PDB file of N, CA and C in Angstrom:
ATOM      1  N   MET A   1       0.884  -1.140  -0.009  1.00  0.00           N
ATOM      2  CA  MET A   1       0.016  -0.049   0.002  1.00  0.00           C
ATOM      3  C   MET A   1       0.716   1.248   0.192  1.00  0.00           C
ATOM      4  N   LYS A   2       0.510   2.163  -0.766  1.00  0.00           N
ATOM      5  CA  LYS A   2       1.311   3.491  -1.029  1.00  0.00           C
ATOM      6  C   LYS A   2       0.545   4.519  -0.355  1.00  0.00           C
ATOM      7  N   ILE A   3       0.790   5.100   0.788  1.00  0.00           N
ATOM      8  CA  ILE A   3       0.030   6.172   1.466  1.00  0.00           C
ATOM      9  C   ILE A   3       0.840   7.617   1.303  1.00  0.00           C
ATOM     10  N   LEU A   4      -0.136   8.440   1.081  1.00  0.00           N
ATOM     11  CA  LEU A   4       0.302  10.029   1.104  1.00  0.00           C
ATOM     12  C   LEU A   4      -0.077  10.497   2.599  1.00  0.00           C
ATOM     13  N   VAL A   5       0.838  11.145   3.155  1.00  0.00           N
ATOM     14  CA  VAL A   5       0.846  11.575   4.491  1.00  0.00           C
ATOM     15  C   VAL A   5       0.926  13.058   4.361  1.00  0.00           C
ATOM     16  N   LEU A   6      -0.041  14.115   4.257  1.00  0.00           N
ATOM     17  CA  LEU A   6       0.152  15.342   3.996  1.00  0.00           C
ATOM     18  C   LEU A   6      -0.133  16.079   5.462  1.00  0.00           C
ATOM     19  N   ASN A   7       0.708  16.811   5.698  1.00  0.00           N
ATOM     20  CA  ASN A   7       0.725  17.789   6.865  1.00  0.00           C
ATOM     21  C   ASN A   7       0.777  19.341   6.397  1.00  0.00           C
ATOM     22  N   GLY A   8      -0.328  20.031   6.830  1.00  0.00           N
ATOM     23  CA  GLY A   8      -0.284  21.491   6.614  1.00  0.00           C
ATOM     24  C   GLY A   8       0.332  22.607   7.183  1.00  0.00           C
ATOM     25  N   PRO A   9      -0.131  23.688   7.133  1.00  0.00           N
ATOM     26  CA  PRO A   9       0.546  24.941   7.684  1.00  0.00           C
ATOM     27  C   PRO A   9       0.888  24.682   9.125  1.00  0.00           C
ATOM     28  N   ASN A  10       2.143  25.201   9.710  1.00  0.00           N
ATOM     29  CA  ASN A  10       2.760  25.289  10.674  1.00  0.00           C
ATOM     30  C   ASN A  10       3.075  23.905  11.395  1.00  0.00           C
ATOM     31  N   LEU A  11       2.794  22.767  10.889  1.00  0.00           N
ATOM     32  CA  LEU A  11       3.211  21.592  11.502  1.00  0.00           C
ATOM     33  C   LEU A  11       4.708  21.351  11.407  1.00  0.00           C
ATOM     34  N   ASN A  12       5.267  21.950  10.505  1.00  0.00           N
ATOM     35  CA  ASN A  12       6.727  22.018  10.606  1.00  0.00           C
ATOM     36  C   ASN A  12       7.258  22.493  11.809  1.00  0.00           C
ATOM     37  N   MET A  13       6.633  23.154  12.677  1.00  0.00           N
ATOM     38  CA  MET A  13       7.115  23.772  13.786  1.00  0.00           C
ATOM     39  C   MET A  13       6.727  23.107  15.016  1.00  0.00           C
ATOM     40  N   LEU A  14       6.441  21.814  14.928  1.00  0.00           N
ATOM     41  CA  LEU A  14       6.053  20.962  16.115  1.00  0.00           C
ATOM     42  C   LEU A  14       7.426  20.914  16.938  1.00  0.00           C
ATOM     43  N   GLY A  15       7.236  20.901  18.200  1.00  0.00           N
ATOM     44  CA  GLY A  15       8.274  20.974  19.303  1.00  0.00           C
ATOM     45  C   GLY A  15       8.645  22.286  19.591  1.00  0.00           C
ATOM     46  N   SER A  16       8.252  23.228  18.935  1.00  0.00           N
ATOM     47  CA  SER A  16       8.663  24.560  19.390  1.00  0.00           C
ATOM     48  C   SER A  16       7.508  25.664  19.446  1.00  0.00           C
ATOM     49  N   ARG A  17       6.265  25.049  19.155  1.00  0.00           N
ATOM     50  CA  ARG A  17       5.100  25.829  19.478  1.00  0.00           C
ATOM     51  C   ARG A  17       4.056  25.006  20.309  1.00  0.00           C
ATOM     52  N   GLU A  18       3.456  25.919  21.306  1.00  0.00           N
ATOM     53  CA  GLU A  18       2.391  25.381  21.985  1.00  0.00           C
ATOM     54  C   GLU A  18       2.332  23.916  22.512  1.00  0.00           C
ATOM     55  N   LYS A  19       3.594  23.636  23.297  1.00  0.00           N
ATOM     56  CA  LYS A  19       3.630  22.299  23.650  1.00  0.00           C
ATOM     57  C   LYS A  19       2.468  21.815  24.578  1.00  0.00           C
ATOM     58  N   SER A  20       2.008  22.327  25.161  1.00  0.00           N
ATOM     59  CA  SER A  20       0.811  22.120  25.954  1.00  0.00           C
ATOM     60  C   SER A  20      -0.279  21.681  25.189  1.00  0.00           C
ATOM     61  N   ILE A  21      -0.391  22.009  23.929  1.00  0.00           N
ATOM     62  CA  ILE A  21      -1.514  21.588  23.003  1.00  0.00           C
ATOM     63  C   ILE A  21      -0.860  20.293  22.071  1.00  0.00           C
ATOM     64  N   TYR A  22       0.275  20.733  21.548  1.00  0.00           N
ATOM     65  CA  TYR A  22       0.701  19.638  20.512  1.00  0.00           C
ATOM     66  C   TYR A  22       1.985  18.776  21.019  1.00  0.00           C
ATOM     67  N   GLY A  23       2.151  18.925  22.168  1.00  0.00           N
ATOM     68  CA  GLY A  23       3.342  17.944  22.706  1.00  0.00           C
ATOM     69  C   GLY A  23       4.762  18.425  22.388  1.00  0.00           C
ATOM     70  N   GLY A  24       5.782  17.736  22.787  1.00  0.00           N
ATOM     71  CA  GLY A  24       7.073  18.273  22.754  1.00  0.00           C
ATOM     72  C   GLY A  24       7.880  17.502  21.555  1.00  0.00           C
ATOM     73  N   PHE A  25       7.235  16.729  20.755  1.00  0.00           N
ATOM     74  CA  PHE A  25       7.972  16.057  19.565  1.00  0.00           C
ATOM     75  C   PHE A  25       8.107  16.870  18.638  1.00  0.00           C
ATOM     76  N   THR A  26       9.051  16.703  17.872  1.00  0.00           N
ATOM     77  CA  THR A  26       9.329  17.682  16.532  1.00  0.00           C
ATOM     78  C   THR A  26       8.745  17.004  15.244  1.00  0.00           C
ATOM     79  N   TYR A  27       8.738  17.662  14.145  1.00  0.00           N
ATOM     80  CA  TYR A  27       8.244  17.325  12.980  1.00  0.00           C
ATOM     81  C   TYR A  27       8.904  16.073  12.483  1.00  0.00           C
ATOM     82  N   ASP A  28      10.278  16.102  12.547  1.00  0.00           N
ATOM     83  CA  ASP A  28      11.238  15.029  12.160  1.00  0.00           C
ATOM     84  C   ASP A  28      11.057  13.705  12.961  1.00  0.00           C
ATOM     85  N   GLU A  29      10.490  13.923  14.249  1.00  0.00           N
ATOM     86  CA  GLU A  29      10.273  12.796  15.136  1.00  0.00           C
ATOM     87  C   GLU A  29       8.979  12.065  14.688  1.00  0.00           C
ATOM     88  N   LEU A  30       8.135  13.023  14.408  1.00  0.00           N
ATOM     89  CA  LEU A  30       6.724  12.632  13.815  1.00  0.00           C
ATOM     90  C   LEU A  30       6.869  11.822  12.511  1.00  0.00           C
ATOM     91  N   ARG A  31       7.726  12.255  11.677  1.00  0.00           N
ATOM     92  CA  ARG A  31       7.961  11.787  10.195  1.00  0.00           C
ATOM     93  C   ARG A  31       8.662  10.216  10.569  1.00  0.00           C
ATOM     94  N   GLU A  32       9.734  10.070  11.505  1.00  0.00           N
ATOM     95  CA  GLU A  32      10.505   8.916  11.765  1.00  0.00           C
ATOM     96  C   GLU A  32       9.324   7.918  12.183  1.00  0.00           C
ATOM     97  N   ALA A  33       8.493   8.207  13.102  1.00  0.00           N
ATOM     98  CA  ALA A  33       7.417   7.336  13.843  1.00  0.00           C
ATOM     99  C   ALA A  33       6.509   6.885  12.655  1.00  0.00           C
ATOM    100  N   ILE A  34       6.188   7.778  11.699  1.00  0.00           N
ATOM    101  CA  ILE A  34       5.169   7.074  10.570  1.00  0.00           C
ATOM    102  C   ILE A  34       5.895   6.345   9.777  1.00  0.00           C
ATOM    103  N   GLU A  35       7.075   6.775   9.176  1.00  0.00           N
ATOM    104  CA  GLU A  35       7.932   5.788   8.282  1.00  0.00           C
ATOM    105  C   GLU A  35       8.118   4.516   8.906  1.00  0.00           C
ATOM    106  N   ARG A  36       8.491   4.449  10.338  1.00  0.00           N
ATOM    107  CA  ARG A  36       8.732   3.244  10.880  1.00  0.00           C
ATOM    108  C   ARG A  36       7.458   2.270  11.100  1.00  0.00           C
ATOM    109  N   LYS A  37       6.372   2.966  11.385  1.00  0.00           N
ATOM    110  CA  LYS A  37       5.128   2.040  11.557  1.00  0.00           C
ATOM    111  C   LYS A  37       4.696   1.654  10.146  1.00  0.00           C
ATOM    112  N   CYS A  38       4.814   2.343   9.083  1.00  0.00           N
ATOM    113  CA  CYS A  38       4.628   1.902   7.758  1.00  0.00           C
ATOM    114  C   CYS A  38       5.526   0.738   7.180  1.00  0.00           C
ATOM    115  N   LEU A  39       6.741   0.711   7.455  1.00  0.00           N
ATOM    116  CA  LEU A  39       7.505  -0.315   7.314  1.00  0.00           C
ATOM    117  C   LEU A  39       7.207  -1.514   8.098  1.00  0.00           C
ATOM    118  N   GLU A  40       6.872  -1.427   9.245  1.00  0.00           N
ATOM    119  CA  GLU A  40       6.474  -2.689   9.935  1.00  0.00           C
ATOM    120  C   GLU A  40       5.195  -3.149   9.375  1.00  0.00           C
ATOM    121  N   LYS A  41       4.418  -2.368   8.800  1.00  0.00           N
ATOM    122  CA  LYS A  41       3.071  -2.887   8.147  1.00  0.00           C
ATOM    123  C   LYS A  41       3.072  -3.290   6.740  1.00  0.00           C
ATOM    124  N   GLY A  42       4.312  -3.050   6.210  1.00  0.00           N
ATOM    125  CA  GLY A  42       4.606  -3.325   4.829  1.00  0.00           C
ATOM    126  C   GLY A  42       3.906  -2.158   3.733  1.00  0.00           C
ATOM    127  N   ALA A  43       3.686  -1.009   4.313  1.00  0.00           N
ATOM    128  CA  ALA A  43       3.302   0.228   3.511  1.00  0.00           C
ATOM    129  C   ALA A  43       4.463   0.889   3.018  1.00  0.00           C
ATOM    130  N   VAL A  44       4.141   1.903   2.094  1.00  0.00           N
ATOM    131  CA  VAL A  44       5.170   2.975   1.845  1.00  0.00           C
ATOM    132  C   VAL A  44       4.579   4.170   2.228  1.00  0.00           C
ATOM    133  N   ALA A  45       5.118   5.116   2.776  1.00  0.00           N
ATOM    134  CA  ALA A  45       4.674   6.433   3.037  1.00  0.00           C
ATOM    135  C   ALA A  45       5.301   7.376   2.362  1.00  0.00           C
ATOM    136  N   ASP A  46       4.764   8.423   1.710  1.00  0.00           N
ATOM    137  CA  ASP A  46       5.246   9.521   1.230  1.00  0.00           C
ATOM    138  C   ASP A  46       4.713  10.596   1.880  1.00  0.00           C
ATOM    139  N   LEU A  47       5.635  11.278   2.757  1.00  0.00           N
ATOM    140  CA  LEU A  47       5.233  12.433   3.664  1.00  0.00           C
ATOM    141  C   LEU A  47       5.478  13.598   2.893  1.00  0.00           C
ATOM    142  N   PHE A  48       4.714  14.676   3.081  1.00  0.00           N
ATOM    143  CA  PHE A  48       4.698  16.001   2.561  1.00  0.00           C
ATOM    144  C   PHE A  48       4.119  17.030   3.606  1.00  0.00           C
ATOM    145  N   GLN A  49       4.846  18.036   3.635  1.00  0.00           N
ATOM    146  CA  GLN A  49       4.427  19.020   4.546  1.00  0.00           C
ATOM    147  C   GLN A  49       4.539  20.442   3.859  1.00  0.00           C
ATOM    148  N   SER A  50       3.406  21.403   3.905  1.00  0.00           N
ATOM    149  CA  SER A  50       3.647  22.609   3.122  1.00  0.00           C
ATOM    150  C   SER A  50       2.637  23.618   3.736  1.00  0.00           C
ATOM    151  N   ASN A  51       3.213  24.784   3.878  1.00  0.00           N
ATOM    152  CA  ASN A  51       2.531  25.919   4.557  1.00  0.00           C
ATOM    153  C   ASN A  51       1.657  26.669   3.351  1.00  0.00           C
ATOM    154  N   HIS A  52       1.516  25.963   2.259  1.00  0.00           N
ATOM    155  CA  HIS A  52       0.967  26.387   0.917  1.00  0.00           C
ATOM    156  C   HIS A  52      -0.183  25.546   0.668  1.00  0.00           C
ATOM    157  N   GLU A  53      -1.404  26.146   0.625  1.00  0.00           N
ATOM    158  CA  GLU A  53      -2.655  25.299   0.412  1.00  0.00           C
ATOM    159  C   GLU A  53      -2.563  24.747  -0.997  1.00  0.00           C
ATOM    160  N   GLY A  54      -2.097  25.392  -2.128  1.00  0.00           N
ATOM    161  CA  GLY A  54      -1.883  25.166  -3.431  1.00  0.00           C
ATOM    162  C   GLY A  54      -0.926  23.844  -3.625  1.00  0.00           C
ATOM    163  N   ASP A  55       0.087  23.944  -2.854  1.00  0.00           N
ATOM    164  CA  ASP A  55       1.189  22.631  -2.938  1.00  0.00           C
ATOM    165  C   ASP A  55       0.315  21.375  -2.526  1.00  0.00           C
ATOM    166  N   LEU A  56      -0.554  21.560  -1.367  1.00  0.00           N
ATOM    167  CA  LEU A  56      -1.208  20.334  -0.917  1.00  0.00           C
ATOM    168  C   LEU A  56      -2.286  19.808  -1.797  1.00  0.00           C
ATOM    169  N   VAL A  57      -2.852  20.885  -2.530  1.00  0.00           N
ATOM    170  CA  VAL A  57      -3.764  20.221  -3.543  1.00  0.00           C
ATOM    171  C   VAL A  57      -2.973  19.627  -4.866  1.00  0.00           C
ATOM    172  N   ASP A  58      -2.047  20.204  -5.150  1.00  0.00           N
ATOM    173  CA  ASP A  58      -1.257  19.565  -6.368  1.00  0.00           C
ATOM    174  C   ASP A  58      -0.742  18.244  -5.782  1.00  0.00           C
ATOM    175  N   ARG A  59      -0.389  17.951  -4.680  1.00  0.00           N
ATOM    176  CA  ARG A  59       0.119  16.588  -4.463  1.00  0.00           C
ATOM    177  C   ARG A  59      -1.085  15.520  -4.195  1.00  0.00           C
ATOM    178  N   ILE A  60      -2.207  16.132  -3.763  1.00  0.00           N
ATOM    179  CA  ILE A  60      -3.285  15.166  -3.818  1.00  0.00           C
ATOM    180  C   ILE A  60      -3.853  14.745  -5.171  1.00  0.00           C
ATOM    181  N   GLN A  61      -3.685  15.740  -6.228  1.00  0.00           N
ATOM    182  CA  GLN A  61      -4.117  15.564  -7.527  1.00  0.00           C
ATOM    183  C   GLN A  61      -3.131  14.476  -8.293  1.00  0.00           C
ATOM    184  N   ARG A  62      -2.090  14.151  -7.881  1.00  0.00           N
ATOM    185  CA  ARG A  62      -1.278  13.309  -8.450  1.00  0.00           C
ATOM    186  C   ARG A  62      -2.043  11.974  -8.519  1.00  0.00           C
ATOM    187  N   ILE A  63      -2.918  11.599  -7.540  1.00  0.00           N
ATOM    188  CA  ILE A  63      -3.629  10.463  -7.526  1.00  0.00           C
ATOM    189  C   ILE A  63      -2.772   9.220  -7.861  1.00  0.00           C
ATOM    190  N   ASP A  64      -1.614   9.165  -7.036  1.00  0.00           N
ATOM    191  CA  ASP A  64      -0.793   8.108  -7.321  1.00  0.00           C
ATOM    192  C   ASP A  64      -0.649   7.165  -6.137  1.00  0.00           C
ATOM    193  N   TYR A  65      -1.677   7.278  -5.209  1.00  0.00           N
ATOM    194  CA  TYR A  65      -1.612   6.589  -3.949  1.00  0.00           C
ATOM    195  C   TYR A  65      -2.899   5.632  -3.713  1.00  0.00           C
ATOM    196  N   ASP A  66      -2.692   4.669  -2.734  1.00  0.00           N
ATOM    197  CA  ASP A  66      -3.837   4.043  -2.305  1.00  0.00           C
ATOM    198  C   ASP A  66      -4.773   4.670  -1.260  1.00  0.00           C
ATOM    199  N   ALA A  67      -3.986   5.480  -0.402  1.00  0.00           N
ATOM    200  CA  ALA A  67      -4.730   6.127   0.552  1.00  0.00           C
ATOM    201  C   ALA A  67      -3.944   7.546   0.929  1.00  0.00           C
ATOM    202  N   VAL A  68      -4.635   8.327   1.352  1.00  0.00           N
ATOM    203  CA  VAL A  68      -4.281   9.801   1.924  1.00  0.00           C
ATOM    204  C   VAL A  68      -4.636   9.887   3.309  1.00  0.00           C
ATOM    205  N   VAL A  69      -3.592  10.231   4.174  1.00  0.00           N
ATOM    206  CA  VAL A  69      -3.693  10.621   5.566  1.00  0.00           C
ATOM    207  C   VAL A  69      -3.460  12.245   5.613  1.00  0.00           C
ATOM    208  N   ILE A  70      -4.303  12.974   6.003  1.00  0.00           N
ATOM    209  CA  ILE A  70      -4.151  14.456   6.088  1.00  0.00           C
ATOM    210  C   ILE A  70      -4.414  15.029   7.551  1.00  0.00           C
ATOM    211  N   ASN A  71      -3.404  15.831   7.876  1.00  0.00           N
ATOM    212  CA  ASN A  71      -3.468  16.718   8.992  1.00  0.00           C
ATOM    213  C   ASN A  71      -3.395  18.046   8.221  1.00  0.00           C
ATOM    214  N   ALA A  72      -4.333  18.735   7.821  1.00  0.00           N
ATOM    215  CA  ALA A  72      -4.519  20.182   7.249  1.00  0.00           C
ATOM    216  C   ALA A  72      -4.222  21.184   8.071  1.00  0.00           C
ATOM    217  N   GLY A  73      -4.091  21.090   9.353  1.00  0.00           N
ATOM    218  CA  GLY A  73      -3.779  22.205  10.186  1.00  0.00           C
ATOM    219  C   GLY A  73      -4.938  22.993  10.371  1.00  0.00           C
ATOM    220  N   ALA A  74      -4.874  24.254  10.215  1.00  0.00           N
ATOM    221  CA  ALA A  74      -5.958  25.342  10.195  1.00  0.00           C
ATOM    222  C   ALA A  74      -6.743  25.241   8.870  1.00  0.00           C
ATOM    223  N   LEU A  75      -6.103  24.729   7.973  1.00  0.00           N
ATOM    224  CA  LEU A  75      -6.750  24.632   6.551  1.00  0.00           C
ATOM    225  C   LEU A  75      -8.123  23.633   6.672  1.00  0.00           C
ATOM    226  N   THR A  76      -8.016  22.806   7.740  1.00  0.00           N
ATOM    227  CA  THR A  76      -9.143  21.977   8.041  1.00  0.00           C
ATOM    228  C   THR A  76     -10.432  22.844   8.008  1.00  0.00           C
ATOM    229  N   HIS A  77     -10.568  23.967   8.545  1.00  0.00           N
ATOM    230  CA  HIS A  77     -11.723  24.689   8.787  1.00  0.00           C
ATOM    231  C   HIS A  77     -12.071  25.618   7.917  1.00  0.00           C
ATOM    232  N   TYR A  78     -11.484  25.663   6.658  1.00  0.00           N
ATOM    233  CA  TYR A  78     -11.965  26.659   5.686  1.00  0.00           C
ATOM    234  C   TYR A  78     -11.379  26.390   4.249  1.00  0.00           C
ATOM    235  N   SER A  79     -10.681  25.215   4.079  1.00  0.00           N
ATOM    236  CA  SER A  79     -10.085  25.066   2.744  1.00  0.00           C
ATOM    237  C   SER A  79     -10.937  24.223   1.875  1.00  0.00           C
ATOM    238  N   TYR A  80     -11.812  24.854   0.985  1.00  0.00           N
ATOM    239  CA  TYR A  80     -12.755  24.074   0.043  1.00  0.00           C
ATOM    240  C   TYR A  80     -12.001  23.649  -0.952  1.00  0.00           C
ATOM    241  N   SER A  81     -10.659  24.128  -1.328  1.00  0.00           N
ATOM    242  CA  SER A  81      -9.841  23.572  -2.413  1.00  0.00           C
ATOM    243  C   SER A  81      -9.257  22.343  -2.059  1.00  0.00           C
ATOM    244  N   LEU A  82      -9.130  22.141  -0.577  1.00  0.00           N
ATOM    245  CA  LEU A  82      -8.472  20.716  -0.177  1.00  0.00           C
ATOM    246  C   LEU A  82      -9.731  19.860  -0.387  1.00  0.00           C
ATOM    247  N   ARG A  83     -10.752  20.359   0.293  1.00  0.00           N
ATOM    248  CA  ARG A  83     -11.946  19.332   0.290  1.00  0.00           C
ATOM    249  C   ARG A  83     -12.214  18.712  -1.200  1.00  0.00           C
ATOM    250  N   ASP A  84     -12.230  19.735  -2.140  1.00  0.00           N
ATOM    251  CA  ASP A  84     -12.522  19.445  -3.521  1.00  0.00           C
ATOM    252  C   ASP A  84     -11.470  18.378  -4.168  1.00  0.00           C
ATOM    253  N   ALA A  85     -10.215  18.712  -3.815  1.00  0.00           N
ATOM    254  CA  ALA A  85      -9.184  17.745  -4.225  1.00  0.00           C
ATOM    255  C   ALA A  85      -9.601  16.534  -3.677  1.00  0.00           C
ATOM    256  N   LEU A  86      -9.566  16.305  -2.293  1.00  0.00           N
ATOM    257  CA  LEU A  86      -9.866  15.004  -1.675  1.00  0.00           C
ATOM    258  C   LEU A  86     -11.253  14.138  -2.128  1.00  0.00           C
ATOM    259  N   GLU A  87     -12.012  14.924  -2.644  1.00  0.00           N
ATOM    260  CA  GLU A  87     -13.438  14.347  -3.106  1.00  0.00           C
ATOM    261  C   GLU A  87     -12.905  13.752  -4.529  1.00  0.00           C
ATOM    262  N   LEU A  88     -11.967  14.345  -5.353  1.00  0.00           N
ATOM    263  CA  LEU A  88     -11.378  13.576  -6.524  1.00  0.00           C
ATOM    264  C   LEU A  88     -10.857  12.366  -6.080  1.00  0.00           C
ATOM    265  N   PHE A  89     -10.013  12.182  -5.104  1.00  0.00           N
ATOM    266  CA  PHE A  89      -9.094  11.091  -4.822  1.00  0.00           C
ATOM    267  C   PHE A  89     -10.335  10.042  -4.609  1.00  0.00           C
ATOM    268  N   LYS A  90     -10.055   8.874  -4.953  1.00  0.00           N
ATOM    269  CA  LYS A  90     -11.105   7.682  -4.985  1.00  0.00           C
ATOM    270  C   LYS A  90     -10.634   6.650  -3.860  1.00  0.00           C
ATOM    271  N   GLY A  91      -9.318   6.815  -3.474  1.00  0.00           N
ATOM    272  CA  GLY A  91      -8.846   5.818  -2.358  1.00  0.00           C
ATOM    273  C   GLY A  91      -9.218   6.155  -1.027  1.00  0.00           C
ATOM    274  N   LEU A  92      -8.731   5.596   0.051  1.00  0.00           N
ATOM    275  CA  LEU A  92      -8.934   5.830   1.316  1.00  0.00           C
ATOM    276  C   LEU A  92      -8.486   7.182   1.730  1.00  0.00           C
ATOM    277  N   LYS A  93      -9.443   7.752   2.599  1.00  0.00           N
ATOM    278  CA  LYS A  93      -9.152   9.158   2.917  1.00  0.00           C
ATOM    279  C   LYS A  93      -9.282   9.170   4.813  1.00  0.00           C
ATOM    280  N   ILE A  94      -7.926   9.785   5.310  1.00  0.00           N
ATOM    281  CA  ILE A  94      -8.360   9.717   6.860  1.00  0.00           C
ATOM    282  C   ILE A  94      -7.743  11.088   7.045  1.00  0.00           C
ATOM    283  N   GLU A  95      -8.482  11.778   7.911  1.00  0.00           N
ATOM    284  CA  GLU A  95      -8.311  12.916   8.479  1.00  0.00           C
ATOM    285  C   GLU A  95      -7.883  12.896  10.045  1.00  0.00           C
ATOM    286  N   VAL A  96      -6.737  13.594  10.250  1.00  0.00           N
ATOM    287  CA  VAL A  96      -6.124  13.179  11.695  1.00  0.00           C
ATOM    288  C   VAL A  96      -5.793  14.703  12.281  1.00  0.00           C
ATOM    289  N   HIS A  97      -5.590  14.682  13.550  1.00  0.00           N
ATOM    290  CA  HIS A  97      -5.080  16.049  14.204  1.00  0.00           C
ATOM    291  C   HIS A  97      -4.534  15.442  15.445  1.00  0.00           C
ATOM    292  N   ILE A  98      -3.344  16.266  15.742  1.00  0.00           N
ATOM    293  CA  ILE A  98      -2.544  16.322  16.960  1.00  0.00           C
ATOM    294  C   ILE A  98      -3.229  16.620  18.175  1.00  0.00           C
ATOM    295  N   SER A  99      -4.155  17.558  18.202  1.00  0.00           N
ATOM    296  CA  SER A  99      -4.793  18.028  19.254  1.00  0.00           C
ATOM    297  C   SER A  99      -6.337  17.590  19.074  1.00  0.00           C
ATOM    298  N   ASN A 100      -7.164  17.630  20.208  1.00  0.00           N
ATOM    299  CA  ASN A 100      -8.714  17.289  20.123  1.00  0.00           C
ATOM    300  C   ASN A 100      -9.291  18.678  19.596  1.00  0.00           C
ATOM    301  N   ILE A 101      -9.661  18.657  18.315  1.00  0.00           N
ATOM    302  CA  ILE A 101     -10.213  20.064  17.833  1.00  0.00           C
ATOM    303  C   ILE A 101     -11.643  20.253  18.345  1.00  0.00           C
ATOM    304  N   PHE A 102     -12.252  19.290  18.969  1.00  0.00           N
ATOM    305  CA  PHE A 102     -13.616  19.669  19.487  1.00  0.00           C
ATOM    306  C   PHE A 102     -13.459  19.980  20.847  1.00  0.00           C
ATOM    307  N   ALA A 103     -12.334  20.246  21.416  1.00  0.00           N
ATOM    308  CA  ALA A 103     -12.084  20.688  22.820  1.00  0.00           C
ATOM    309  C   ALA A 103     -11.365  21.996  22.839  1.00  0.00           C
ATOM    310  N   ARG A 104     -11.299  22.639  21.732  1.00  0.00           N
ATOM    311  CA  ARG A 104     -10.509  23.792  21.696  1.00  0.00           C
ATOM    312  C   ARG A 104     -11.445  24.798  21.099  1.00  0.00           C
ATOM    313  N   GLU A 105     -11.007  25.964  20.607  1.00  0.00           N
ATOM    314  CA  GLU A 105     -11.828  27.051  20.026  1.00  0.00           C
ATOM    315  C   GLU A 105     -13.060  26.553  19.322  1.00  0.00           C
ATOM    316  N   LYS A 106     -14.229  27.155  19.215  1.00  0.00           N
ATOM    317  CA  LYS A 106     -15.367  26.755  18.497  1.00  0.00           C
ATOM    318  C   LYS A 106     -14.950  26.631  17.077  1.00  0.00           C
ATOM    319  N   PHE A 107     -14.194  27.588  16.484  1.00  0.00           N
ATOM    320  CA  PHE A 107     -14.002  27.400  14.999  1.00  0.00           C
ATOM    321  C   PHE A 107     -13.275  26.294  14.509  1.00  0.00           C
ATOM    322  N   ARG A 108     -12.454  25.701  15.499  1.00  0.00           N
ATOM    323  CA  ARG A 108     -11.682  24.619  15.205  1.00  0.00           C
ATOM    324  C   ARG A 108     -12.463  23.329  15.162  1.00  0.00           C
ATOM    325  N   SER A 109     -13.681  23.283  15.507  1.00  0.00           N
ATOM    326  CA  SER A 109     -14.433  22.027  15.608  1.00  0.00           C
ATOM    327  C   SER A 109     -15.087  21.662  14.268  1.00  0.00           C
ATOM    328  N   ARG A 110     -15.039  22.714  13.482  1.00  0.00           N
ATOM    329  CA  ARG A 110     -15.711  22.480  12.090  1.00  0.00           C
ATOM    330  C   ARG A 110     -14.602  22.185  10.965  1.00  0.00           C
ATOM    331  N   SER A 111     -14.936  20.814  10.502  1.00  0.00           N
ATOM    332  CA  SER A 111     -13.955  20.494   9.354  1.00  0.00           C
ATOM    333  C   SER A 111     -14.642  20.407   7.963  1.00  0.00           C
ATOM    334  N   VAL A 112     -13.977  21.026   7.087  1.00  0.00           N
ATOM    335  CA  VAL A 112     -14.815  21.199   5.811  1.00  0.00           C
ATOM    336  C   VAL A 112     -14.428  20.030   4.900  1.00  0.00           C
TER     337      VAL A 112
END
């Protein structure tokens, strides 16, 4: 299985921002953990992080994967272009978050 793992804006700053919300691990540590788990399960992970919405859309549109796992960061709450790109993708789609978006500010509980 080939999995696209997308991380949106500011996730590259893990380990240095709001540790009480996001924890103390870095983006590199997160990448290593995902890659290690995929290897254990016989999957291949293509990890990509961008602070730019269009770059994330472009990567989804390649449609060269069996699954997409996405943490769109703040784009989760208002990016209809990401939503549309994900609708075009016919494989497995999983939305993930590091924090509990339903226990934070009201605007964060909406996922488009």
